[in-house]
Amino acid sequence: MSNLKDIKSEIDKYANDSNQTELQIVEKLEKHYFDKKVNENLKLYKKGKKKVSEITKDLKISPRKFYAILDKKKIEHKKYKKE
């Protein structure tokens, strides 16, 4: 529990030093760690060691959002046509 208090105090210090609120800082941290986790999973996806369903479950996102990330990063994937 003391580690959490340390993190909270560091966020408070950083908020006082910068022009940002605590929530803005936490949102930036969340985005950073989400991107980090996405990149780790993309490496495994490219090697064929992890499937889309496993990745979406780990990241707690929809498959559509994952495919949008693949398109954004220009990574090839199979496209299924609805008919």
Protein backbone atom coordinates (compact mmCIF):
# COMPACT_ATOMS: atom_id res chain seq x y z
CA MET A 1 0.00 0.00 0.00
CA SER A 2 2.92 2.36 0.64
CA ASN A 3 3.94 2.03 -3.01
CA LEU A 4 0.55 3.35 -4.06
CA LYS A 5 0.94 6.29 -1.69
CA ASP A 6 4.35 7.01 -3.26
CA ILE A 7 2.82 7.01 -6.73
CA LYS A 8 -0.02 9.28 -5.62
CA SER A 9 2.40 11.72 -4.02
CA GLU A 10 4.57 11.76 -7.16
CA ILE A 11 1.51 12.49 -9.32
CA ASP A 12 0.49 15.29 -6.95
CA LYS A 13 4.01 16.79 -7.08
CA TYR A 14 4.08 16.59 -10.86
CA ALA A 15 0.62 18.20 -11.07
CA ASN A 16 1.78 21.07 -8.87
CA ASP A 17 4.90 21.61 -10.99
CA SER A 18 3.11 21.46 -14.34
CA ASN A 19 -0.04 23.10 -15.66
CA GLN A 20 -1.92 19.81 -15.73
CA THR A 21 -4.48 18.22 -13.46
CA GLU A 22 -4.00 14.84 -11.87
CA LEU A 23 -6.57 13.31 -14.23
CA GLN A 24 -4.72 14.57 -17.30
CA ILE A 25 -1.52 12.99 -16.01
CA VAL A 26 -3.25 9.68 -15.32
CA GLU A 27 -4.81 9.71 -18.82
CA LYS A 28 -1.40 10.23 -20.39
CA LEU A 29 0.04 7.38 -18.32
CA GLU A 30 -2.86 5.14 -19.31
CA LYS A 31 -2.32 5.93 -23.00
CA HIS A 32 1.41 5.27 -22.68
CA TYR A 33 1.00 1.88 -21.03
CA PHE A 34 -1.82 0.86 -23.40
CA ASP A 35 0.38 1.67 -26.41
CA LYS A 36 3.23 -0.27 -24.82
CA LYS A 37 0.99 -3.33 -24.35
CA VAL A 38 -0.35 -3.00 -27.92
CA ASN A 39 3.18 -2.96 -29.33
CA GLU A 40 4.14 -6.08 -27.36
CA ASN A 41 1.07 -7.89 -28.66
CA LEU A 42 1.66 -6.72 -32.25
CA LYS A 43 5.11 -8.29 -32.20
CA LEU A 44 3.58 -11.61 -31.15
CA TYR A 45 0.81 -11.22 -33.76
CA LYS A 46 3.34 -10.66 -36.54
CA LYS A 47 5.22 -13.80 -35.54
CA GLY A 48 1.96 -15.75 -35.48
CA LYS A 49 2.27 -16.64 -31.80
CA LYS A 50 -0.88 -14.85 -30.67
CA LYS A 51 -4.34 -14.72 -32.24
CA VAL A 52 -6.60 -11.71 -32.56
CA SER A 53 -9.09 -13.14 -30.07
CA GLU A 54 -6.37 -13.56 -27.42
CA ILE A 55 -5.05 -10.05 -28.00
CA THR A 56 -8.47 -8.41 -27.83
CA LYS A 57 -9.21 -10.28 -24.62
CA ASP A 58 -5.89 -9.15 -23.07
CA LEU A 59 -6.31 -5.52 -24.13
CA LYS A 60 -10.06 -5.48 -23.44
CA ILE A 61 -10.87 -3.97 -26.84
CA SER A 62 -13.12 -5.05 -29.69
CA PRO A 63 -11.72 -6.89 -32.71
CA ARG A 64 -12.85 -3.99 -34.90
CA LYS A 65 -10.70 -1.61 -32.88
CA PHE A 66 -7.74 -3.99 -33.10
CA TYR A 67 -8.08 -4.19 -36.90
CA ALA A 68 -8.18 -0.38 -36.98
CA ILE A 69 -4.88 -0.35 -35.07
CA LEU A 70 -3.44 -2.81 -37.61
CA ASP A 71 -4.57 -0.57 -40.48
CA LYS A 72 -3.13 2.50 -38.78
CA LYS A 73 0.24 0.81 -38.32
CA LYS A 74 0.06 -0.62 -41.88
CA ILE A 75 0.30 -4.24 -40.77
CA GLU A 76 -1.14 -6.78 -43.20
CA HIS A 77 -4.02 -8.96 -42.08
CA LYS A 78 -6.77 -10.98 -43.66
CA LYS A 79 -9.87 -9.02 -44.51
CA TYR A 80 -13.13 -10.89 -44.32
CA LYS A 81 -16.01 -9.78 -46.49
CA LYS A 82 -19.53 -9.98 -45.15
CA GLU A 83 -21.91 -11.48 -47.68
